[in-house]
Structures are given as C-alpha cells and as structure tokens.
Amino acid sequence: MTQLHAFAHCLAVATITLALAAGARAQDSSEELAKKLSNPVAAMISVPLQYNYDQKYGDGRTGHKSYLNLQPVIPFSIGPQWNLISRTIVPLIDQNTPGINQSGVGDITQSFFFSPKEPTAGGLIWGVGPVIYLPTGTDPQLSARKWGAGPTAVVLKQDGPWTYGALVNHIWGFGGVESRPGFSSTFLQPFLSHTTKDAWTFTVNSESSYDWKNKEWSVPVNLMVGKLVKFGNQPVSFTGGLRYWADSPDNGPHDLGYRFVVTFLFPK
C-alpha cells in the first residue's frame, strides 16, 4: 500500500467517525462556514488536503493513479470594495500505468480572482483574473514541461441552503522544453450544493476539461458528502464521495474513482 493509499484510508475513517460524533453539536456558525466552503471566492483562509484515486488507465485499462492536492486558498483585501483571492493547487502524484510508474510533485496551477466584497443587487458573487501553470513536476512523466497562462472566472449564487454556479479557465501552454508538445485546455466546473443547518453539505459537480490539441474531453462527475466539525475553536471539514468518468480519452481513467478531503478553516 502506497503512502497516498494509506492517507486515503485514514481520511475515510476520520470522515465517518468524526462526522457522526459531531452530529448535533454543530452550530449556526458552522452552517455559515460550511456554506463559505462552497464559495470558491469566499474571503476566508482554507487549506484543503484532497486525496483522489482513479483507475483503468492505459492499454488494457490496468493502470491507476493516486494524487493528493494541497489547495490553500488565501484572500487579500485590496481596498474597501475588492478582494484578491489566491487559489493554489500543488499535486503530489503516485501513478502506475503501462510503461509508467512514478511518484513525485506535479505541475502547480495558480489562480488569482479579483472579487467584489459584496454580492451584486441580484445576489451574484463573482471573480475574474489570471491562471498560471508552472512546470514544477519533479519527473518528466509528471510534468508537461511547459509554462502556461490564461483567464479564469467564477460566478455563483447562494440562495438559502443552496449554492450553485460555475468556475471556468483556459490555459495556453508556451515556452519550456521544445521537444514537448504545446497544449491548449479549457476547464469547466459547474457545481450545485445544499448545506443543512447542522453543517452537512451535499455536492454534485463536474471538473470537465477539453484538450483543444487532441480534441478530447475528460468529464468526471463527483457526488460528495461533507460535514463541518469543530475541535475547540478550530473548524475542520471532512468530505468524501465517488467520481464517475462519463467521458475520458482512451488512455485516461474510466469507471469509478473516489475522493476524500480534509479542509482546515481559518475564519477571521
């Protein structure tokens, strides 16, 4: 069992045990914190540790891939009306596919959203900014070996217990190792979540991407259940769920995967 697999099992046990134990102790403030977690541009520091497992990669569909995403979200106030939200994804990857058996750090994706501090008159929350792709992979098999950049945007609405909206970005690859192919990729993340008064959150989303060079879609559908609990004054969210690959390249993942997330929250 790899370290990433062991981490996944620990997260699974912690999610079930702590969520059930916390049950009725959640307070209204926990509900609001849980709703903020459903907002990608909420003005709150959070540090998610997101473990993913996918299977049936490559020829014969015998490969599998585990990756742990470190995803700190840090807001900065840039005046009385605007926030700058920094969202970083640092992947730690362990993959075993035909001809490839590698572990290490993957390429980092860094997004910045300029977002108004208050919703619009119609209740819309939004943010726009740049996304940057950094070739930080520690192994050639874990990196595109290209830089990348493009625009990103998010729009959502929170109506009672419901949060719904979408996040999108497009990244064009450039520079880097000349022998490596360029890339042009669009990422689409529509999401819908419902948060209960005792801080359970039920989410369905897709994290689809389209490869414009190879004209291929990757379309995973995630079904997630999360619970926000407090250890003293420290709020922590535990989330788990399944992913179904509705579409994928021939050498990509197929059928079911799963995800477990532990998120540390640092509200002001």
C-alpha atoms as a PDB file:
ATOM      1  CA  MET A   1       0.000   0.000   0.000  1.00  0.00           C
ATOM      2  CA  THR A   2       1.429   3.398  -1.000  1.00  0.00           C
ATOM      3  CA  GLN A   3       1.557   6.351   1.358  1.00  0.00           C
ATOM      4  CA  LEU A   4      -1.219   8.033  -0.645  1.00  0.00           C
ATOM      5  CA  HIS A   5      -3.439   4.950  -0.316  1.00  0.00           C
ATOM      6  CA  ALA A   6      -2.790   4.866   3.434  1.00  0.00           C
ATOM      7  CA  PHE A   7      -3.694   8.562   3.663  1.00  0.00           C
ATOM      8  CA  ALA A   8      -6.963   7.872   1.838  1.00  0.00           C
ATOM      9  CA  HIS A   9      -7.976   5.154   4.287  1.00  0.00           C
ATOM     10  CA  CYS A  10      -7.174   7.413   7.237  1.00  0.00           C
ATOM     11  CA  LEU A  11      -9.320  10.162   5.739  1.00  0.00           C
ATOM     12  CA  ALA A  12     -12.190   7.736   5.176  1.00  0.00           C
ATOM     13  CA  VAL A  13     -12.163   6.557   8.796  1.00  0.00           C
ATOM     14  CA  ALA A  14     -11.827  10.112  10.123  1.00  0.00           C
ATOM     15  CA  THR A  15     -14.678  11.349   7.933  1.00  0.00           C
ATOM     16  CA  ILE A  16     -17.145   8.743   9.214  1.00  0.00           C
ATOM     17  CA  THR A  17     -16.081   8.706  12.868  1.00  0.00           C
ATOM     18  CA  LEU A  18     -15.754  12.431  13.479  1.00  0.00           C
ATOM     19  CA  ALA A  19     -18.792  13.425  11.437  1.00  0.00           C
ATOM     20  CA  LEU A  20     -21.062  11.025  13.339  1.00  0.00           C
ATOM     21  CA  ALA A  21     -19.583  12.005  16.683  1.00  0.00           C
ATOM     22  CA  ALA A  22     -20.069  15.722  15.972  1.00  0.00           C
ATOM     23  CA  GLY A  23     -23.703  15.283  14.842  1.00  0.00           C
ATOM     24  CA  ALA A  24     -25.938  17.530  16.884  1.00  0.00           C
ATOM     25  CA  ARG A  25     -23.129  19.714  18.216  1.00  0.00           C
ATOM     26  CA  ALA A  26     -22.919  21.812  15.028  1.00  0.00           C
ATOM     27  CA  GLN A  27     -23.986  25.411  15.488  1.00  0.00           C
ATOM     28  CA  ASP A  28     -25.362  28.076  13.169  1.00  0.00           C
ATOM     29  CA  SER A  29     -21.853  29.469  12.732  1.00  0.00           C
ATOM     30  CA  SER A  30     -20.751  26.058  11.482  1.00  0.00           C
ATOM     31  CA  GLU A  31     -23.523  26.167   8.867  1.00  0.00           C
ATOM     32  CA  GLU A  32     -22.271  29.518   7.601  1.00  0.00           C
ATOM     33  CA  LEU A  33     -18.684  28.283   7.478  1.00  0.00           C
ATOM     34  CA  ALA A  34     -19.814  25.216   5.532  1.00  0.00           C
ATOM     35  CA  LYS A  35     -21.599  27.461   3.037  1.00  0.00           C
ATOM     36  CA  LYS A  36     -18.465  29.568   2.643  1.00  0.00           C
ATOM     37  CA  LEU A  37     -16.553  26.431   1.687  1.00  0.00           C
ATOM     38  CA  SER A  38     -18.943  26.045  -1.259  1.00  0.00           C
ATOM     39  CA  ASN A  39     -17.916  29.526  -2.470  1.00  0.00           C
ATOM     40  CA  PRO A  40     -14.572  29.454  -4.367  1.00  0.00           C
ATOM     41  CA  VAL A  41     -14.008  33.183  -3.723  1.00  0.00           C
ATOM     42  CA  ALA A  42     -15.086  33.387  -0.067  1.00  0.00           C
ATOM     43  CA  ALA A  43     -12.921  35.781   1.955  1.00  0.00           C
ATOM     44  CA  MET A  44     -11.672  33.059   4.283  1.00  0.00           C
ATOM     45  CA  ILE A  45      -8.365  31.219   4.559  1.00  0.00           C
ATOM     46  CA  SER A  46      -8.792  27.497   3.993  1.00  0.00           C
ATOM     47  CA  VAL A  47      -6.327  24.663   3.448  1.00  0.00           C
ATOM     48  CA  PRO A  48      -7.870  21.598   1.772  1.00  0.00           C
ATOM     49  CA  LEU A  49      -5.948  18.324   1.542  1.00  0.00           C
ATOM     50  CA  GLN A  50      -7.700  16.496  -1.289  1.00  0.00           C
ATOM     51  CA  TYR A  51      -6.930  12.831  -1.995  1.00  0.00           C
ATOM     52  CA  ASN A  52      -8.088  11.323  -5.312  1.00  0.00           C
ATOM     53  CA  TYR A  53      -7.917   7.809  -6.714  1.00  0.00           C
ATOM     54  CA  ASP A  54      -8.702   6.889 -10.344  1.00  0.00           C
ATOM     55  CA  GLN A  55      -8.337   3.589 -12.171  1.00  0.00           C
ATOM     56  CA  LYS A  56      -8.347   1.764 -15.515  1.00  0.00           C
ATOM     57  CA  TYR A  57      -5.734   3.907 -17.256  1.00  0.00           C
ATOM     58  CA  GLY A  58      -3.849   2.968 -20.430  1.00  0.00           C
ATOM     59  CA  ASP A  59      -3.728  -0.093 -22.670  1.00  0.00           C
ATOM     60  CA  GLY A  60      -5.776  -2.895 -21.183  1.00  0.00           C
ATOM     61  CA  ARG A  61      -7.046  -0.415 -18.593  1.00  0.00           C
ATOM     62  CA  THR A  62      -4.735  -1.841 -15.954  1.00  0.00           C
ATOM     63  CA  GLY A  63      -3.248   1.406 -14.630  1.00  0.00           C
ATOM     64  CA  HIS A  64      -4.228   3.516 -11.658  1.00  0.00           C
ATOM     65  CA  LYS A  65      -3.343   6.914 -10.245  1.00  0.00           C
ATOM     66  CA  SER A  66      -3.418   8.442  -6.761  1.00  0.00           C
ATOM     67  CA  TYR A  67      -2.843  12.114  -6.130  1.00  0.00           C
ATOM     68  CA  LEU A  68      -3.019  14.380  -3.117  1.00  0.00           C
ATOM     69  CA  ASN A  69      -3.770  18.014  -3.966  1.00  0.00           C
ATOM     70  CA  LEU A  70      -2.650  20.680  -1.499  1.00  0.00           C
ATOM     71  CA  GLN A  71      -5.038  23.568  -2.247  1.00  0.00           C
ATOM     72  CA  PRO A  72      -4.540  26.617   0.003  1.00  0.00           C
ATOM     73  CA  VAL A  73      -6.985  29.487  -0.521  1.00  0.00           C
ATOM     74  CA  ILE A  74      -5.832  32.882   0.780  1.00  0.00           C
ATOM     75  CA  PRO A  75      -7.818  36.150   0.472  1.00  0.00           C
ATOM     76  CA  PHE A  76      -6.219  39.593   0.412  1.00  0.00           C
ATOM     77  CA  SER A  77      -8.120  42.837   0.909  1.00  0.00           C
ATOM     78  CA  ILE A  78      -7.169  45.366  -1.789  1.00  0.00           C
ATOM     79  CA  GLY A  79      -9.423  48.227  -0.780  1.00  0.00           C
ATOM     80  CA  PRO A  80     -12.865  48.851   0.671  1.00  0.00           C
ATOM     81  CA  GLN A  81     -14.683  47.080  -2.172  1.00  0.00           C
ATOM     82  CA  TRP A  82     -12.407  44.345  -3.556  1.00  0.00           C
ATOM     83  CA  ASN A  83     -10.643  41.158  -2.518  1.00  0.00           C
ATOM     84  CA  LEU A  84      -7.892  39.275  -4.292  1.00  0.00           C
ATOM     85  CA  ILE A  85      -8.336  35.528  -3.789  1.00  0.00           C
ATOM     86  CA  SER A  86      -5.311  33.286  -4.301  1.00  0.00           C
ATOM     87  CA  ARG A  87      -6.101  29.617  -5.083  1.00  0.00           C
ATOM     88  CA  THR A  88      -3.160  27.202  -5.498  1.00  0.00           C
ATOM     89  CA  ILE A  89      -3.152  23.526  -6.497  1.00  0.00           C
ATOM     90  CA  VAL A  90       0.012  21.547  -5.695  1.00  0.00           C
ATOM     91  CA  PRO A  91      -0.396  17.879  -6.750  1.00  0.00           C
ATOM     92  CA  LEU A  92       1.555  15.031  -5.141  1.00  0.00           C
ATOM     93  CA  ILE A  93       1.217  12.121  -7.577  1.00  0.00           C
ATOM     94  CA  ASP A  94       1.670   8.361  -7.484  1.00  0.00           C
ATOM     95  CA  GLN A  95       0.823   6.767 -10.843  1.00  0.00           C
ATOM     96  CA  ASN A  96       1.138   3.273 -12.191  1.00  0.00           C
ATOM     97  CA  THR A  97       0.148   2.892 -15.834  1.00  0.00           C
ATOM     98  CA  PRO A  98       1.629   0.720 -18.614  1.00  0.00           C
ATOM     99  CA  GLY A  99       5.213   1.912 -19.053  1.00  0.00           C
ATOM    100  CA  ILE A 100       4.962   4.496 -16.258  1.00  0.00           C
ATOM    101  CA  ASN A 101       5.497   4.050 -12.528  1.00  0.00           C
ATOM    102  CA  GLN A 102       6.342   7.386 -10.968  1.00  0.00           C
ATOM    103  CA  SER A 103       5.810   9.344  -7.749  1.00  0.00           C
ATOM    104  CA  GLY A 104       6.534  12.976  -7.007  1.00  0.00           C
ATOM    105  CA  VAL A 105       5.307  16.547  -7.289  1.00  0.00           C
ATOM    106  CA  GLY A 106       3.306  17.517 -10.371  1.00  0.00           C
ATOM    107  CA  ASP A 107       2.854  20.871 -12.075  1.00  0.00           C
ATOM    108  CA  ILE A 108       1.337  23.684  -9.977  1.00  0.00           C
ATOM    109  CA  THR A 109      -1.752  25.647 -11.049  1.00  0.00           C
ATOM    110  CA  GLN A 110      -2.035  29.129  -9.531  1.00  0.00           C
ATOM    111  CA  SER A 111      -5.216  31.202  -9.881  1.00  0.00           C
ATOM    112  CA  PHE A 112      -5.984  34.766  -8.778  1.00  0.00           C
ATOM    113  CA  PHE A 113      -9.536  36.127  -8.598  1.00  0.00           C
ATOM    114  CA  PHE A 114     -10.413  39.799  -8.244  1.00  0.00           C
ATOM    115  CA  SER A 115     -13.791  39.659  -6.500  1.00  0.00           C
ATOM    116  CA  PRO A 116     -16.138  42.316  -5.044  1.00  0.00           C
ATOM    117  CA  LYS A 117     -16.547  42.081  -1.294  1.00  0.00           C
ATOM    118  CA  GLU A 118     -20.338  42.284  -1.599  1.00  0.00           C
ATOM    119  CA  PRO A 119     -22.681  40.378  -3.943  1.00  0.00           C
ATOM    120  CA  THR A 120     -24.478  42.250  -6.702  1.00  0.00           C
ATOM    121  CA  ALA A 121     -28.018  43.595  -6.190  1.00  0.00           C
ATOM    122  CA  GLY A 122     -29.259  40.308  -7.649  1.00  0.00           C
ATOM    123  CA  GLY A 123     -27.191  38.250  -5.215  1.00  0.00           C
ATOM    124  CA  LEU A 124     -24.485  37.151  -7.662  1.00  0.00           C
ATOM    125  CA  ILE A 125     -20.956  36.510  -6.385  1.00  0.00           C
ATOM    126  CA  TRP A 126     -18.214  36.608  -8.993  1.00  0.00           C
ATOM    127  CA  GLY A 127     -14.499  36.866  -9.588  1.00  0.00           C
ATOM    128  CA  VAL A 128     -12.155  37.129 -12.570  1.00  0.00           C
ATOM    129  CA  GLY A 129      -8.399  37.037 -13.006  1.00  0.00           C
ATOM    130  CA  PRO A 130      -5.416  35.153 -14.404  1.00  0.00           C
ATOM    131  CA  VAL A 131      -4.462  31.497 -14.061  1.00  0.00           C
ATOM    132  CA  ILE A 132      -0.802  30.441 -14.304  1.00  0.00           C
ATOM    133  CA  TYR A 133       0.580  26.969 -14.964  1.00  0.00           C
ATOM    134  CA  LEU A 134       4.029  26.253 -13.508  1.00  0.00           C
ATOM    135  CA  PRO A 135       6.186  23.306 -14.756  1.00  0.00           C
ATOM    136  CA  THR A 136       7.257  22.230 -11.270  1.00  0.00           C
ATOM    137  CA  GLY A 137       6.975  18.468 -11.813  1.00  0.00           C
ATOM    138  CA  THR A 138       9.850  16.520 -10.264  1.00  0.00           C
ATOM    139  CA  ASP A 139       9.814  13.894 -13.026  1.00  0.00           C
ATOM    140  CA  PRO A 140       9.354  14.238 -16.817  1.00  0.00           C
ATOM    141  CA  GLN A 141       6.393  11.829 -16.631  1.00  0.00           C
ATOM    142  CA  LEU A 142       4.663  14.082 -14.066  1.00  0.00           C
ATOM    143  CA  SER A 143       5.078  17.377 -15.910  1.00  0.00           C
ATOM    144  CA  ALA A 144       4.099  18.978 -19.206  1.00  0.00           C
ATOM    145  CA  ARG A 145       7.493  20.755 -19.095  1.00  0.00           C
ATOM    146  CA  LYS A 146       5.700  23.856 -20.419  1.00  0.00           C
ATOM    147  CA  TRP A 147       4.642  27.127 -18.854  1.00  0.00           C
ATOM    148  CA  GLY A 148       1.026  28.143 -19.226  1.00  0.00           C
ATOM    149  CA  ALA A 149      -1.300  31.089 -18.652  1.00  0.00           C
ATOM    150  CA  GLY A 150      -4.806  32.280 -19.401  1.00  0.00           C
ATOM    151  CA  PRO A 151      -8.001  33.752 -17.910  1.00  0.00           C
ATOM    152  CA  THR A 152     -10.200  32.332 -15.176  1.00  0.00           C
ATOM    153  CA  ALA A 153     -13.625  33.327 -13.842  1.00  0.00           C
ATOM    154  CA  VAL A 154     -16.243  32.174 -11.377  1.00  0.00           C
ATOM    155  CA  VAL A 155     -19.884  33.148 -10.854  1.00  0.00           C
ATOM    156  CA  LEU A 156     -22.273  31.757  -8.258  1.00  0.00           C
ATOM    157  CA  LYS A 157     -25.313  32.468  -6.155  1.00  0.00           C
ATOM    158  CA  GLN A 158     -26.094  31.424  -2.608  1.00  0.00           C
ATOM    159  CA  ASP A 159     -29.838  31.198  -2.019  1.00  0.00           C
ATOM    160  CA  GLY A 160     -30.776  29.874   1.409  1.00  0.00           C
ATOM    161  CA  PRO A 161     -29.152  26.450   1.798  1.00  0.00           C
ATOM    162  CA  TRP A 162     -28.311  26.248  -1.917  1.00  0.00           C
ATOM    163  CA  THR A 163     -25.100  27.246  -3.694  1.00  0.00           C
ATOM    164  CA  TYR A 164     -24.905  26.971  -7.474  1.00  0.00           C
ATOM    165  CA  GLY A 165     -22.596  28.348 -10.123  1.00  0.00           C
ATOM    166  CA  ALA A 166     -19.583  27.558 -12.277  1.00  0.00           C
ATOM    167  CA  LEU A 167     -15.827  28.078 -12.437  1.00  0.00           C
ATOM    168  CA  VAL A 168     -14.001  28.174 -15.762  1.00  0.00           C
ATOM    169  CA  ASN A 169     -10.474  28.734 -17.031  1.00  0.00           C
ATOM    170  CA  HIS A 170      -8.464  28.329 -20.197  1.00  0.00           C
ATOM    171  CA  ILE A 171      -4.704  27.734 -20.260  1.00  0.00           C
ATOM    172  CA  TRP A 172      -2.400  28.042 -23.257  1.00  0.00           C
ATOM    173  CA  GLY A 173       0.987  26.353 -22.918  1.00  0.00           C
ATOM    174  CA  PHE A 174       4.166  28.102 -24.060  1.00  0.00           C
ATOM    175  CA  GLY A 175       7.951  28.047 -23.691  1.00  0.00           C
ATOM    176  CA  GLY A 176       9.563  25.261 -21.725  1.00  0.00           C
ATOM    177  CA  VAL A 177      11.130  22.177 -23.320  1.00  0.00           C
ATOM    178  CA  GLU A 178      10.959  22.493 -27.115  1.00  0.00           C
ATOM    179  CA  SER A 179      10.551  18.755 -27.685  1.00  0.00           C
ATOM    180  CA  ARG A 180       7.390  18.687 -25.584  1.00  0.00           C
ATOM    181  CA  PRO A 181       4.056  19.356 -27.368  1.00  0.00           C
ATOM    182  CA  GLY A 182       2.170  22.536 -26.612  1.00  0.00           C
ATOM    183  CA  PHE A 183      -1.270  22.445 -25.043  1.00  0.00           C
ATOM    184  CA  SER A 184      -4.494  24.408 -25.016  1.00  0.00           C
ATOM    185  CA  SER A 185      -7.014  23.309 -22.393  1.00  0.00           C
ATOM    186  CA  THR A 186     -10.380  24.551 -21.150  1.00  0.00           C
ATOM    187  CA  PHE A 187     -11.567  23.658 -17.637  1.00  0.00           C
ATOM    188  CA  LEU A 188     -15.293  23.782 -16.717  1.00  0.00           C
ATOM    189  CA  GLN A 189     -16.594  23.222 -13.174  1.00  0.00           C
ATOM    190  CA  PRO A 190     -20.357  23.626 -12.747  1.00  0.00           C
ATOM    191  CA  PHE A 191     -21.400  22.950  -9.147  1.00  0.00           C
ATOM    192  CA  LEU A 192     -24.507  22.604  -7.007  1.00  0.00           C
ATOM    193  CA  SER A 193     -24.528  22.112  -3.238  1.00  0.00           C
ATOM    194  CA  HIS A 194     -27.012  22.040  -0.372  1.00  0.00           C
ATOM    195  CA  THR A 195     -25.932  22.813   3.204  1.00  0.00           C
ATOM    196  CA  THR A 196     -28.098  21.788   6.154  1.00  0.00           C
ATOM    197  CA  LYS A 197     -28.449  23.669   9.433  1.00  0.00           C
ATOM    198  CA  ASP A 198     -26.264  21.082  11.183  1.00  0.00           C
ATOM    199  CA  ALA A 199     -23.445  21.758   8.669  1.00  0.00           C
ATOM    200  CA  TRP A 200     -23.754  18.762   6.347  1.00  0.00           C
ATOM    201  CA  THR A 201     -23.094  19.657   2.700  1.00  0.00           C
ATOM    202  CA  PHE A 202     -24.224  17.571  -0.283  1.00  0.00           C
ATOM    203  CA  THR A 203     -22.496  18.451  -3.554  1.00  0.00           C
ATOM    204  CA  VAL A 204     -22.630  17.417  -7.186  1.00  0.00           C
ATOM    205  CA  ASN A 205     -20.154  18.894  -9.650  1.00  0.00           C
ATOM    206  CA  SER A 206     -18.134  18.165 -12.728  1.00  0.00           C
ATOM    207  CA  GLU A 207     -14.479  19.068 -13.305  1.00  0.00           C
ATOM    208  CA  SER A 208     -14.508  18.694 -17.064  1.00  0.00           C
ATOM    209  CA  SER A 209     -11.644  19.646 -19.356  1.00  0.00           C
ATOM    210  CA  TYR A 210     -11.302  19.849 -23.113  1.00  0.00           C
ATOM    211  CA  ASP A 211      -7.968  19.299 -24.852  1.00  0.00           C
ATOM    212  CA  TRP A 212      -8.110  21.504 -27.957  1.00  0.00           C
ATOM    213  CA  LYS A 213      -4.946  19.980 -29.458  1.00  0.00           C
ATOM    214  CA  ASN A 214      -6.181  16.389 -29.364  1.00  0.00           C
ATOM    215  CA  LYS A 215      -9.910  17.282 -29.394  1.00  0.00           C
ATOM    216  CA  GLU A 216     -10.666  15.120 -26.357  1.00  0.00           C
ATOM    217  CA  TRP A 217     -12.990  15.575 -23.378  1.00  0.00           C
ATOM    218  CA  SER A 218     -12.429  14.426 -19.809  1.00  0.00           C
ATOM    219  CA  VAL A 219     -15.727  14.548 -17.903  1.00  0.00           C
ATOM    220  CA  PRO A 220     -15.791  13.319 -14.297  1.00  0.00           C
ATOM    221  CA  VAL A 221     -18.987  13.717 -12.247  1.00  0.00           C
ATOM    222  CA  ASN A 222     -18.407  13.978  -8.488  1.00  0.00           C
ATOM    223  CA  LEU A 223     -21.001  13.147  -5.814  1.00  0.00           C
ATOM    224  CA  MET A 224     -19.787  14.353  -2.411  1.00  0.00           C
ATOM    225  CA  VAL A 225     -20.970  14.492   1.208  1.00  0.00           C
ATOM    226  CA  GLY A 226     -19.224  16.729   3.729  1.00  0.00           C
ATOM    227  CA  LYS A 227     -19.504  17.570   7.429  1.00  0.00           C
ATOM    228  CA  LEU A 228     -18.022  20.560   9.217  1.00  0.00           C
ATOM    229  CA  VAL A 229     -16.991  19.973  12.836  1.00  0.00           C
ATOM    230  CA  LYS A 230     -15.070  21.939  15.452  1.00  0.00           C
ATOM    231  CA  PHE A 231     -12.181  20.815  17.616  1.00  0.00           C
ATOM    232  CA  GLY A 232     -12.292  23.502  20.267  1.00  0.00           C
ATOM    233  CA  ASN A 233     -12.293  26.683  18.197  1.00  0.00           C
ATOM    234  CA  GLN A 234     -10.737  25.057  15.120  1.00  0.00           C
ATOM    235  CA  PRO A 235     -13.265  24.293  12.350  1.00  0.00           C
ATOM    236  CA  VAL A 236     -12.415  21.358  10.093  1.00  0.00           C
ATOM    237  CA  SER A 237     -14.423  19.931   7.212  1.00  0.00           C
ATOM    238  CA  PHE A 238     -14.386  16.242   6.247  1.00  0.00           C
ATOM    239  CA  THR A 239     -15.689  15.276   2.806  1.00  0.00           C
ATOM    240  CA  GLY A 240     -15.886  12.029   0.876  1.00  0.00           C
ATOM    241  CA  GLY A 241     -17.523  10.731  -2.249  1.00  0.00           C
ATOM    242  CA  LEU A 242     -17.429   8.955  -5.592  1.00  0.00           C
ATOM    243  CA  ARG A 243     -16.460  10.089  -9.067  1.00  0.00           C
ATOM    244  CA  TYR A 244     -17.891   8.632 -12.292  1.00  0.00           C
ATOM    245  CA  TRP A 245     -16.000   9.185 -15.548  1.00  0.00           C
ATOM    246  CA  ALA A 246     -18.736   9.983 -18.063  1.00  0.00           C
ATOM    247  CA  ASP A 247     -16.120  10.588 -20.781  1.00  0.00           C
ATOM    248  CA  SER A 248     -12.345  10.212 -20.958  1.00  0.00           C
ATOM    249  CA  PRO A 249      -9.552   9.727 -23.525  1.00  0.00           C
ATOM    250  CA  ASP A 250      -8.689   6.111 -24.335  1.00  0.00           C
ATOM    251  CA  ASN A 251      -5.548   6.310 -22.167  1.00  0.00           C
ATOM    252  CA  GLY A 252      -7.318   8.180 -19.353  1.00  0.00           C
ATOM    253  CA  PRO A 253      -9.260   6.937 -16.307  1.00  0.00           C
ATOM    254  CA  HIS A 254     -12.537   5.027 -16.609  1.00  0.00           C
ATOM    255  CA  ASP A 255     -15.470   3.908 -14.489  1.00  0.00           C
ATOM    256  CA  LEU A 256     -15.385   4.927 -10.800  1.00  0.00           C
ATOM    257  CA  GLY A 257     -12.872   6.829  -8.681  1.00  0.00           C
ATOM    258  CA  TYR A 258     -13.127   8.320  -5.226  1.00  0.00           C
ATOM    259  CA  ARG A 259     -12.137  11.420  -3.278  1.00  0.00           C
ATOM    260  CA  PHE A 260     -11.564  12.286   0.387  1.00  0.00           C
ATOM    261  CA  VAL A 261     -10.886  15.805   1.619  1.00  0.00           C
ATOM    262  CA  VAL A 262      -9.842  17.306   4.943  1.00  0.00           C
ATOM    263  CA  THR A 263     -10.113  21.105   4.980  1.00  0.00           C
ATOM    264  CA  PHE A 264      -8.764  23.319   7.754  1.00  0.00           C
ATOM    265  CA  LEU A 265     -10.599  26.657   8.013  1.00  0.00           C
ATOM    266  CA  PHE A 266      -9.218  29.878   9.457  1.00  0.00           C
ATOM    267  CA  PRO A 267     -12.094  32.392   9.601  1.00  0.00           C
ATOM    268  CA  LYS A 268     -11.403  35.931  10.701  1.00  0.00           C
END
